[in-house]
């Protein structure tokens, strides 16, 4: 059994997808980004299902994983468009938090090289809440970090989809999902 089979490649790609989704989930939790948290949670579940299907040769799980991968690519394209403000989308809206909070991307204030300065309210009697946070000196703007995260997710998903496509062997009306030599 060689380790360069399509099955091993898919297991490796699924493992990378799982790590990338877990990393993204952590930073979305820090920024209270509820829509991406929900999407990442589903991604983690389906990638685990895809890993199980790959290891245990369960074609139905692989089909679920394949369909979800197409949806996941679509979601990440939407996130790229959202943060680059394509087509009337605005990164300043509360869309990613389901309009239940004013939180934004964690990377907005904590990106690489960013210097965060909190400006306290000047009027007396206002709560001790901070009214404005000034961020300067960022090496890369937060929206580009979010775009990079989504691009990595798309790259991993497309690689896994390509691996699956190469492994599906259809002859006439009969298709078998696994014709892999292990």
N, C-alpha and C. Protein backbone atom coordinates (compact mmCIF):
# COMPACT_ATOMS: atom_id res chain seq x y z
N UNK A 1 0.85 -1.18 0.00
CA UNK A 1 0.00 0.00 0.00
C UNK A 1 0.90 1.24 0.00
N UNK A 2 0.74 2.06 -1.01
CA UNK A 2 1.49 3.30 -1.08
C UNK A 2 0.74 4.42 -0.40
N UNK A 3 1.47 5.41 0.04
CA UNK A 3 0.84 6.52 0.73
C UNK A 3 0.52 7.67 -0.22
N UNK A 4 0.74 7.48 -1.49
CA UNK A 4 0.45 8.53 -2.45
C UNK A 4 -0.82 8.22 -3.23
N UNK A 5 -1.69 7.40 -2.68
CA UNK A 5 -2.94 7.09 -3.34
C UNK A 5 -3.90 8.26 -3.20
N UNK A 6 -4.95 8.22 -3.97
CA UNK A 6 -5.97 9.27 -3.87
C UNK A 6 -6.60 9.32 -2.50
N UNK A 7 -6.74 8.17 -1.89
CA UNK A 7 -7.33 8.10 -0.55
C UNK A 7 -6.46 8.82 0.47
N UNK A 8 -5.16 8.57 0.43
CA UNK A 8 -4.24 9.25 1.35
C UNK A 8 -4.20 10.74 1.08
N UNK A 9 -4.25 11.11 -0.19
CA UNK A 9 -4.27 12.53 -0.54
C UNK A 9 -5.50 13.21 0.02
N UNK A 10 -6.66 12.55 -0.12
CA UNK A 10 -7.91 13.12 0.39
C UNK A 10 -7.89 13.22 1.92
N UNK A 11 -7.34 12.22 2.58
CA UNK A 11 -7.22 12.27 4.04
C UNK A 11 -6.33 13.44 4.45
N UNK A 12 -5.23 13.64 3.75
CA UNK A 12 -4.34 14.75 4.04
C UNK A 12 -5.03 16.09 3.82
N UNK A 13 -5.74 16.24 2.69
CA UNK A 13 -6.44 17.49 2.40
C UNK A 13 -7.57 17.75 3.40
N UNK A 14 -8.29 16.71 3.78
CA UNK A 14 -9.35 16.87 4.78
C UNK A 14 -8.76 17.29 6.12
N UNK A 15 -7.62 16.74 6.47
CA UNK A 15 -6.96 17.11 7.72
C UNK A 15 -6.54 18.59 7.69
N UNK A 16 -6.01 19.03 6.56
CA UNK A 16 -5.66 20.45 6.42
C UNK A 16 -6.90 21.34 6.49
N UNK A 17 -7.99 20.89 5.85
CA UNK A 17 -9.24 21.65 5.91
C UNK A 17 -9.74 21.75 7.35
N UNK A 18 -9.62 20.67 8.08
CA UNK A 18 -10.07 20.65 9.47
C UNK A 18 -9.25 21.63 10.31
N UNK A 19 -7.94 21.61 10.14
CA UNK A 19 -7.08 22.55 10.88
C UNK A 19 -7.38 24.00 10.50
N UNK A 20 -7.56 24.27 9.22
CA UNK A 20 -7.85 25.64 8.77
C UNK A 20 -9.21 26.10 9.30
N UNK A 21 -10.20 25.21 9.31
CA UNK A 21 -11.53 25.58 9.82
C UNK A 21 -11.49 25.81 11.32
N UNK A 22 -10.73 25.01 12.05
CA UNK A 22 -10.61 25.22 13.50
C UNK A 22 -9.91 26.54 13.81
N UNK A 23 -8.86 26.86 13.06
CA UNK A 23 -8.17 28.13 13.26
C UNK A 23 -9.10 29.29 12.97
N UNK A 24 -9.84 29.19 11.90
CA UNK A 24 -10.77 30.26 11.53
C UNK A 24 -11.90 30.39 12.56
N UNK A 25 -12.35 29.25 13.07
CA UNK A 25 -13.41 29.25 14.08
C UNK A 25 -12.97 30.02 15.33
N UNK A 26 -11.75 29.82 15.74
CA UNK A 26 -11.24 30.50 16.94
C UNK A 26 -11.28 32.02 16.75
N UNK A 27 -10.78 32.51 15.62
CA UNK A 27 -10.74 33.95 15.40
C UNK A 27 -12.14 34.53 15.16
N UNK A 28 -13.04 33.74 14.58
CA UNK A 28 -14.41 34.23 14.43
C UNK A 28 -15.12 34.31 15.78
N UNK A 29 -14.82 33.37 16.68
CA UNK A 29 -15.37 33.46 18.04
C UNK A 29 -14.84 34.70 18.75
N UNK A 30 -13.57 35.00 18.58
CA UNK A 30 -13.00 36.18 19.22
C UNK A 30 -13.64 37.47 18.72
N UNK A 31 -14.10 37.48 17.47
CA UNK A 31 -14.74 38.66 16.91
C UNK A 31 -16.25 38.61 16.97
N UNK A 32 -16.83 37.58 17.57
CA UNK A 32 -18.28 37.41 17.67
C UNK A 32 -18.94 37.47 16.29
N UNK A 33 -18.34 36.82 15.33
CA UNK A 33 -18.86 36.76 13.96
C UNK A 33 -19.76 35.53 13.86
N UNK A 34 -21.04 35.68 14.13
CA UNK A 34 -21.92 34.53 14.28
C UNK A 34 -22.18 33.77 12.99
N UNK A 35 -22.32 34.45 11.87
CA UNK A 35 -22.55 33.75 10.60
C UNK A 35 -21.35 32.88 10.23
N UNK A 36 -20.13 33.40 10.27
CA UNK A 36 -18.99 32.52 10.00
C UNK A 36 -18.81 31.41 11.04
N UNK A 37 -19.17 31.68 12.29
CA UNK A 37 -19.07 30.64 13.32
C UNK A 37 -19.96 29.46 12.95
N UNK A 38 -21.18 29.76 12.52
CA UNK A 38 -22.10 28.70 12.11
C UNK A 38 -21.57 27.95 10.90
N UNK A 39 -21.07 28.70 9.91
CA UNK A 39 -20.51 28.05 8.72
C UNK A 39 -19.29 27.20 9.04
N UNK A 40 -18.41 27.71 9.90
CA UNK A 40 -17.22 26.94 10.28
C UNK A 40 -17.60 25.68 11.04
N UNK A 41 -18.62 25.78 11.90
CA UNK A 41 -19.07 24.61 12.65
C UNK A 41 -19.56 23.53 11.69
N UNK A 42 -20.37 23.92 10.71
CA UNK A 42 -20.84 22.94 9.72
C UNK A 42 -19.68 22.37 8.91
N UNK A 43 -18.71 23.22 8.58
CA UNK A 43 -17.54 22.75 7.84
C UNK A 43 -16.78 21.70 8.64
N UNK A 44 -16.58 21.96 9.92
CA UNK A 44 -15.86 21.01 10.77
C UNK A 44 -16.60 19.67 10.81
N UNK A 45 -17.92 19.71 10.99
CA UNK A 45 -18.71 18.48 11.05
C UNK A 45 -18.62 17.71 9.74
N UNK A 46 -18.79 18.40 8.62
CA UNK A 46 -18.80 17.72 7.32
C UNK A 46 -17.40 17.22 6.95
N UNK A 47 -16.36 17.94 7.31
CA UNK A 47 -15.00 17.45 7.02
C UNK A 47 -14.72 16.19 7.84
N UNK A 48 -15.17 16.17 9.09
CA UNK A 48 -15.02 14.94 9.90
C UNK A 48 -15.79 13.80 9.25
N UNK A 49 -16.98 14.10 8.74
CA UNK A 49 -17.77 13.10 8.03
C UNK A 49 -17.04 12.63 6.78
N UNK A 50 -16.42 13.58 6.05
CA UNK A 50 -15.65 13.22 4.86
C UNK A 50 -14.43 12.37 5.20
N UNK A 51 -13.77 12.69 6.30
CA UNK A 51 -12.64 11.86 6.75
C UNK A 51 -13.11 10.45 7.08
N UNK A 52 -14.21 10.38 7.81
CA UNK A 52 -14.76 9.06 8.16
C UNK A 52 -15.14 8.29 6.90
N UNK A 53 -15.79 8.97 5.96
CA UNK A 53 -16.17 8.31 4.72
C UNK A 53 -14.98 7.85 3.91
N UNK A 54 -13.91 8.62 3.93
CA UNK A 54 -12.71 8.25 3.19
C UNK A 54 -12.01 7.05 3.85
N UNK A 55 -11.89 7.10 5.15
CA UNK A 55 -11.18 6.03 5.87
C UNK A 55 -11.99 4.73 5.85
N UNK A 56 -13.31 4.84 6.02
CA UNK A 56 -14.17 3.66 6.11
C UNK A 56 -14.82 3.26 4.78
N UNK A 57 -14.46 3.94 3.69
CA UNK A 57 -15.03 3.66 2.37
C UNK A 57 -16.56 3.76 2.39
N UNK A 58 -17.08 4.88 2.85
CA UNK A 58 -18.53 5.13 2.89
C UNK A 58 -18.88 6.14 1.79
N UNK A 59 -19.32 5.67 0.63
CA UNK A 59 -19.59 6.56 -0.50
C UNK A 59 -20.64 7.64 -0.21
N UNK A 60 -21.66 7.34 0.58
CA UNK A 60 -22.69 8.34 0.88
C UNK A 60 -22.10 9.53 1.65
N UNK A 61 -21.20 9.24 2.56
CA UNK A 61 -20.56 10.32 3.30
C UNK A 61 -19.69 11.18 2.39
N UNK A 62 -19.07 10.52 1.43
CA UNK A 62 -18.23 11.23 0.47
C UNK A 62 -19.11 12.14 -0.40
N UNK A 63 -20.29 11.66 -0.76
CA UNK A 63 -21.21 12.49 -1.56
C UNK A 63 -21.65 13.71 -0.76
N UNK A 64 -21.98 13.52 0.52
CA UNK A 64 -22.35 14.65 1.38
C UNK A 64 -21.19 15.63 1.47
N UNK A 65 -20.00 15.12 1.65
CA UNK A 65 -18.81 15.96 1.71
C UNK A 65 -18.61 16.74 0.41
N UNK A 66 -18.84 16.08 -0.72
CA UNK A 66 -18.67 16.72 -2.02
C UNK A 66 -19.67 17.86 -2.23
N UNK A 67 -20.93 17.60 -1.89
CA UNK A 67 -21.96 18.63 -2.02
C UNK A 67 -21.65 19.81 -1.10
N UNK A 68 -21.26 19.50 0.14
CA UNK A 68 -20.93 20.58 1.07
C UNK A 68 -19.72 21.38 0.59
N UNK A 69 -18.76 20.71 -0.03
CA UNK A 69 -17.58 21.41 -0.52
C UNK A 69 -17.96 22.47 -1.55
N UNK A 70 -18.92 22.16 -2.40
CA UNK A 70 -19.40 23.15 -3.37
C UNK A 70 -20.05 24.33 -2.65
N UNK A 71 -20.85 24.05 -1.63
CA UNK A 71 -21.48 25.13 -0.85
C UNK A 71 -20.43 25.94 -0.09
N UNK A 72 -19.42 25.26 0.43
CA UNK A 72 -18.36 25.93 1.19
C UNK A 72 -17.56 26.88 0.30
N UNK A 73 -17.28 26.46 -0.93
CA UNK A 73 -16.58 27.34 -1.87
C UNK A 73 -17.44 28.57 -2.15
N UNK A 74 -18.74 28.36 -2.34
CA UNK A 74 -19.65 29.49 -2.58
C UNK A 74 -19.66 30.45 -1.40
N UNK A 75 -19.71 29.93 -0.18
CA UNK A 75 -19.70 30.76 1.03
C UNK A 75 -18.41 31.58 1.10
N UNK A 76 -17.30 30.96 0.80
CA UNK A 76 -16.02 31.67 0.88
C UNK A 76 -15.88 32.71 -0.23
N UNK A 77 -16.45 32.47 -1.39
CA UNK A 77 -16.48 33.49 -2.43
C UNK A 77 -17.31 34.67 -1.94
N UNK A 78 -18.44 34.39 -1.28
CA UNK A 78 -19.26 35.47 -0.71
C UNK A 78 -18.46 36.28 0.31
N UNK A 79 -17.72 35.60 1.18
CA UNK A 79 -16.92 36.31 2.20
C UNK A 79 -15.86 37.20 1.52
N UNK A 80 -15.24 36.70 0.47
CA UNK A 80 -14.27 37.51 -0.25
C UNK A 80 -14.96 38.75 -0.83
N UNK A 81 -16.10 38.56 -1.45
CA UNK A 81 -16.84 39.70 -2.01
C UNK A 81 -17.28 40.66 -0.91
N UNK A 82 -17.67 40.12 0.24
CA UNK A 82 -18.11 40.94 1.36
C UNK A 82 -16.99 41.85 1.86
N UNK A 83 -15.81 41.29 2.10
CA UNK A 83 -14.71 42.08 2.63
C UNK A 83 -14.05 42.98 1.60
N UNK A 84 -14.18 42.66 0.32
CA UNK A 84 -13.66 43.54 -0.72
C UNK A 84 -14.73 44.51 -1.22
N UNK A 85 -15.92 44.42 -0.62
CA UNK A 85 -17.06 45.30 -0.93
C UNK A 85 -17.43 45.27 -2.41
N UNK A 86 -17.60 44.06 -2.91
CA UNK A 86 -17.99 43.86 -4.30
C UNK A 86 -19.52 43.80 -4.38
N UNK A 87 -20.08 44.41 -5.39
CA UNK A 87 -21.51 44.30 -5.65
C UNK A 87 -22.41 44.91 -4.60
N UNK A 88 -22.02 46.01 -4.02
CA UNK A 88 -22.88 46.68 -3.05
C UNK A 88 -22.78 46.14 -1.63
N UNK A 89 -21.96 45.13 -1.41
CA UNK A 89 -21.75 44.63 -0.05
C UNK A 89 -20.83 45.59 0.70
N UNK A 90 -21.00 45.67 2.01
CA UNK A 90 -20.15 46.56 2.80
C UNK A 90 -19.67 45.83 4.04
N UNK A 91 -18.38 45.88 4.28
CA UNK A 91 -17.80 45.23 5.46
C UNK A 91 -18.17 45.94 6.74
N UNK A 92 -18.78 47.14 6.62
CA UNK A 92 -19.19 47.92 7.80
C UNK A 92 -20.56 47.51 8.34
N UNK A 93 -21.26 46.64 7.64
CA UNK A 93 -22.58 46.21 8.11
C UNK A 93 -22.43 45.12 9.18
N UNK A 94 -23.54 44.84 9.85
CA UNK A 94 -23.56 43.80 10.89
C UNK A 94 -24.03 42.46 10.32
N UNK A 95 -23.85 42.25 9.04
CA UNK A 95 -24.31 41.04 8.38
C UNK A 95 -23.68 39.78 8.98
N UNK A 96 -22.39 39.82 9.29
CA UNK A 96 -21.70 38.65 9.80
C UNK A 96 -22.07 38.33 11.25
N UNK A 97 -22.69 39.25 11.94
CA UNK A 97 -23.10 39.01 13.32
C UNK A 97 -24.62 38.83 13.42
N UNK A 98 -25.28 38.65 12.28
CA UNK A 98 -26.75 38.52 12.22
C UNK A 98 -27.45 39.74 12.80
N UNK A 99 -26.82 40.89 12.75
CA UNK A 99 -27.38 42.15 13.25
C UNK A 99 -27.74 42.12 14.73
N UNK A 100 -27.04 41.29 15.51
CA UNK A 100 -27.33 41.25 16.94
C UNK A 100 -26.23 41.89 17.78
N UNK A 101 -25.15 42.29 17.16
CA UNK A 101 -24.10 42.97 17.91
C UNK A 101 -23.31 43.88 16.97
N UNK A 102 -22.49 44.71 17.56
CA UNK A 102 -21.68 45.66 16.79
C UNK A 102 -20.26 45.15 16.55
N UNK A 103 -20.02 43.89 16.79
CA UNK A 103 -18.67 43.36 16.65
C UNK A 103 -18.29 43.23 15.18
N UNK A 104 -17.01 43.26 14.95
CA UNK A 104 -16.45 43.12 13.62
C UNK A 104 -15.36 42.06 13.67
N UNK A 105 -14.65 41.92 12.59
CA UNK A 105 -13.57 40.95 12.52
C UNK A 105 -12.54 41.20 13.63
N UNK A 106 -12.09 40.14 14.25
CA UNK A 106 -11.07 40.24 15.30
C UNK A 106 -9.79 40.86 14.73
N UNK A 107 -9.54 40.59 13.47
CA UNK A 107 -8.32 41.09 12.82
C UNK A 107 -8.34 42.59 12.65
N UNK A 108 -9.51 43.23 12.74
CA UNK A 108 -9.61 44.69 12.56
C UNK A 108 -8.72 45.43 13.56
N UNK A 109 -8.70 44.95 14.81
CA UNK A 109 -7.93 45.62 15.85
C UNK A 109 -6.68 44.86 16.27
N UNK A 110 -6.55 43.62 15.86
CA UNK A 110 -5.46 42.78 16.34
C UNK A 110 -4.61 42.18 15.23
N UNK A 111 -4.63 42.80 14.06
CA UNK A 111 -3.85 42.29 12.94
C UNK A 111 -2.36 42.41 13.19
N UNK A 112 -1.56 41.81 12.32
CA UNK A 112 -0.10 41.88 12.49
C UNK A 112 0.40 43.32 12.39
N UNK A 113 1.12 43.75 13.40
CA UNK A 113 1.70 45.08 13.43
C UNK A 113 0.76 46.19 13.86
N UNK A 114 -0.49 45.87 14.11
CA UNK A 114 -1.47 46.91 14.45
C UNK A 114 -1.22 47.47 15.85
N UNK A 115 -1.30 48.79 15.94
CA UNK A 115 -1.20 49.48 17.22
C UNK A 115 -2.60 49.97 17.55
N UNK A 116 -3.14 49.47 18.63
CA UNK A 116 -4.51 49.76 19.03
C UNK A 116 -4.51 50.82 20.11
N UNK A 117 -5.28 51.89 19.90
CA UNK A 117 -5.37 52.95 20.88
C UNK A 117 -6.84 53.20 21.18
N UNK A 118 -7.19 53.14 22.45
CA UNK A 118 -8.57 53.33 22.87
C UNK A 118 -8.76 54.78 23.27
N UNK A 119 -9.77 55.42 22.69
CA UNK A 119 -10.10 56.80 23.01
C UNK A 119 -11.34 56.77 23.90
N UNK A 120 -11.19 57.25 25.12
CA UNK A 120 -12.31 57.26 26.06
C UNK A 120 -13.27 58.41 25.73
N UNK A 121 -14.54 58.27 26.09
CA UNK A 121 -15.49 59.34 25.82
C UNK A 121 -15.12 60.60 26.59
N UNK A 122 -15.31 61.73 25.94
CA UNK A 122 -14.90 63.00 26.55
C UNK A 122 -15.99 63.62 27.42
N UNK A 123 -17.23 63.28 27.17
CA UNK A 123 -18.33 63.90 27.94
C UNK A 123 -18.49 63.19 29.28
N UNK A 124 -18.66 63.96 30.36
CA UNK A 124 -18.88 63.33 31.66
C UNK A 124 -20.25 62.68 31.72
N UNK A 125 -20.36 61.65 32.51
CA UNK A 125 -21.63 60.97 32.68
C UNK A 125 -21.86 59.82 31.71
N UNK A 126 -20.99 59.72 30.70
CA UNK A 126 -21.12 58.60 29.76
C UNK A 126 -20.49 57.39 30.42
N UNK A 127 -21.09 56.26 30.18
CA UNK A 127 -20.58 55.01 30.77
C UNK A 127 -19.10 54.84 30.48
N UNK A 128 -18.46 54.01 31.26
CA UNK A 128 -17.02 53.76 31.08
C UNK A 128 -16.72 52.93 29.84
N UNK A 129 -17.66 52.82 28.98
CA UNK A 129 -17.45 52.07 27.76
C UNK A 129 -16.56 52.90 26.82
N UNK A 130 -15.79 52.22 26.00
CA UNK A 130 -14.95 52.92 25.04
C UNK A 130 -15.79 53.27 23.83
N UNK A 131 -15.67 54.48 23.38
CA UNK A 131 -16.50 54.90 22.26
C UNK A 131 -15.77 54.77 20.92
N UNK A 132 -14.45 54.75 20.92
CA UNK A 132 -13.72 54.71 19.67
C UNK A 132 -12.40 54.00 19.88
N UNK A 133 -12.04 53.18 18.94
CA UNK A 133 -10.75 52.51 18.96
C UNK A 133 -10.01 52.90 17.69
N UNK A 134 -8.83 53.46 17.87
CA UNK A 134 -8.00 53.86 16.75
C UNK A 134 -6.96 52.77 16.51
N UNK A 135 -6.86 52.33 15.26
CA UNK A 135 -5.90 51.29 14.90
C UNK A 135 -5.01 51.84 13.80
N UNK A 136 -3.70 51.79 14.04
CA UNK A 136 -2.74 52.28 13.05
C UNK A 136 -1.58 51.30 12.92
N UNK A 137 -0.83 51.45 11.88
CA UNK A 137 0.41 50.69 11.71
C UNK A 137 0.26 49.25 11.29
N UNK A 138 -0.90 48.86 10.82
CA UNK A 138 -1.10 47.46 10.42
C UNK A 138 -0.25 47.12 9.19
N UNK A 139 0.38 45.98 9.25
CA UNK A 139 1.17 45.51 8.11
C UNK A 139 0.25 45.17 6.94
N UNK A 140 -0.87 44.53 7.27
CA UNK A 140 -1.86 44.17 6.26
C UNK A 140 -3.25 44.46 6.85
N UNK A 141 -4.11 45.09 6.07
CA UNK A 141 -5.45 45.43 6.55
C UNK A 141 -6.26 44.17 6.82
N UNK A 142 -7.20 44.30 7.77
CA UNK A 142 -7.97 43.14 8.22
C UNK A 142 -8.76 42.49 7.10
N UNK A 143 -9.30 43.29 6.18
CA UNK A 143 -10.12 42.69 5.13
C UNK A 143 -9.29 41.78 4.24
N UNK A 144 -8.01 42.11 4.05
CA UNK A 144 -7.16 41.25 3.24
C UNK A 144 -6.80 39.97 3.99
N UNK A 145 -6.69 40.04 5.31
CA UNK A 145 -6.47 38.82 6.09
C UNK A 145 -7.68 37.89 5.98
N UNK A 146 -8.87 38.46 6.04
CA UNK A 146 -10.09 37.66 5.88
C UNK A 146 -10.16 37.05 4.47
N UNK A 147 -9.77 37.82 3.48
CA UNK A 147 -9.76 37.33 2.11
C UNK A 147 -8.74 36.19 1.97
N UNK A 148 -7.58 36.34 2.59
CA UNK A 148 -6.57 35.28 2.55
C UNK A 148 -7.10 34.00 3.20
N UNK A 149 -7.77 34.14 4.35
CA UNK A 149 -8.36 32.97 5.01
C UNK A 149 -9.35 32.27 4.08
N UNK A 150 -10.22 33.04 3.44
CA UNK A 150 -11.21 32.46 2.53
C UNK A 150 -10.54 31.84 1.31
N UNK A 151 -9.51 32.49 0.79
CA UNK A 151 -8.81 31.94 -0.37
C UNK A 151 -8.14 30.61 -0.04
N UNK A 152 -7.59 30.49 1.15
CA UNK A 152 -6.99 29.22 1.58
C UNK A 152 -8.07 28.15 1.67
N UNK A 153 -9.23 28.50 2.23
CA UNK A 153 -10.34 27.54 2.31
C UNK A 153 -10.76 27.09 0.91
N UNK A 154 -10.85 28.03 -0.02
CA UNK A 154 -11.23 27.69 -1.40
C UNK A 154 -10.18 26.79 -2.03
N UNK A 155 -8.91 27.12 -1.85
CA UNK A 155 -7.83 26.31 -2.41
C UNK A 155 -7.87 24.87 -1.89
N UNK A 156 -8.04 24.72 -0.58
CA UNK A 156 -8.11 23.38 0.00
C UNK A 156 -9.35 22.62 -0.50
N UNK A 157 -10.47 23.31 -0.58
CA UNK A 157 -11.71 22.67 -1.05
C UNK A 157 -11.60 22.26 -2.51
N UNK A 158 -11.04 23.13 -3.33
CA UNK A 158 -10.89 22.80 -4.75
C UNK A 158 -9.90 21.65 -4.94
N UNK A 159 -8.86 21.62 -4.14
CA UNK A 159 -7.89 20.51 -4.22
C UNK A 159 -8.55 19.20 -3.83
N UNK A 160 -9.34 19.22 -2.76
CA UNK A 160 -10.05 18.01 -2.34
C UNK A 160 -11.07 17.60 -3.40
N UNK A 161 -11.78 18.59 -3.95
CA UNK A 161 -12.75 18.29 -5.00
C UNK A 161 -12.09 17.71 -6.23
N UNK A 162 -10.92 18.23 -6.59
CA UNK A 162 -10.18 17.70 -7.73
C UNK A 162 -9.73 16.26 -7.46
N UNK A 163 -9.29 16.00 -6.25
CA UNK A 163 -8.89 14.64 -5.88
C UNK A 163 -10.07 13.69 -5.98
N UNK A 164 -11.24 14.14 -5.49
CA UNK A 164 -12.44 13.31 -5.58
C UNK A 164 -12.84 13.09 -7.03
N UNK A 165 -12.78 14.13 -7.83
CA UNK A 165 -13.18 14.02 -9.23
C UNK A 165 -12.30 13.03 -9.98
N UNK A 166 -11.02 13.00 -9.65
CA UNK A 166 -10.12 12.05 -10.30
C UNK A 166 -10.39 10.62 -9.86
N UNK A 167 -10.98 10.45 -8.68
CA UNK A 167 -11.21 9.11 -8.16
C UNK A 167 -12.57 8.53 -8.54
N UNK A 168 -13.48 9.37 -9.00
CA UNK A 168 -14.79 8.87 -9.40
C UNK A 168 -14.66 8.28 -10.79
N UNK A 169 -15.13 7.07 -10.92
CA UNK A 169 -14.99 6.36 -12.18
C UNK A 169 -16.38 6.03 -12.68
N UNK A 170 -16.84 6.74 -13.70
CA UNK A 170 -18.17 6.52 -14.25
C UNK A 170 -18.05 5.82 -15.59
N UNK A 171 -18.84 4.75 -15.74
CA UNK A 171 -18.91 4.03 -17.00
C UNK A 171 -20.39 3.90 -17.34
N UNK A 172 -20.82 4.58 -18.37
CA UNK A 172 -22.24 4.53 -18.74
C UNK A 172 -23.09 5.13 -17.64
N UNK A 173 -24.12 4.36 -17.23
CA UNK A 173 -25.02 4.83 -16.19
C UNK A 173 -24.56 4.43 -14.79
N UNK A 174 -23.58 3.56 -14.70
CA UNK A 174 -23.14 3.10 -13.38
C UNK A 174 -21.91 3.89 -12.94
N UNK A 175 -21.98 4.44 -11.78
CA UNK A 175 -20.85 5.19 -11.23
C UNK A 175 -20.46 4.57 -9.91
N UNK A 176 -19.18 4.34 -9.74
CA UNK A 176 -18.70 3.87 -8.46
C UNK A 176 -17.79 4.95 -7.90
N UNK A 177 -18.05 5.31 -6.65
CA UNK A 177 -17.29 6.41 -6.05
C UNK A 177 -15.87 6.01 -5.74
N UNK A 178 -15.63 4.77 -5.33
CA UNK A 178 -14.28 4.38 -4.95
C UNK A 178 -13.76 3.25 -5.83
N UNK A 179 -12.85 3.58 -6.70
CA UNK A 179 -12.07 2.61 -7.46
C UNK A 179 -10.62 2.89 -7.14
N UNK A 180 -10.29 2.81 -5.86
CA UNK A 180 -8.96 3.19 -5.41
C UNK A 180 -8.17 1.94 -5.05
N UNK A 181 -6.97 1.91 -5.52
CA UNK A 181 -6.09 0.82 -5.11
C UNK A 181 -5.31 1.28 -3.90
N UNK A 182 -5.40 0.52 -2.85
CA UNK A 182 -4.72 0.91 -1.60
C UNK A 182 -3.49 0.07 -1.40
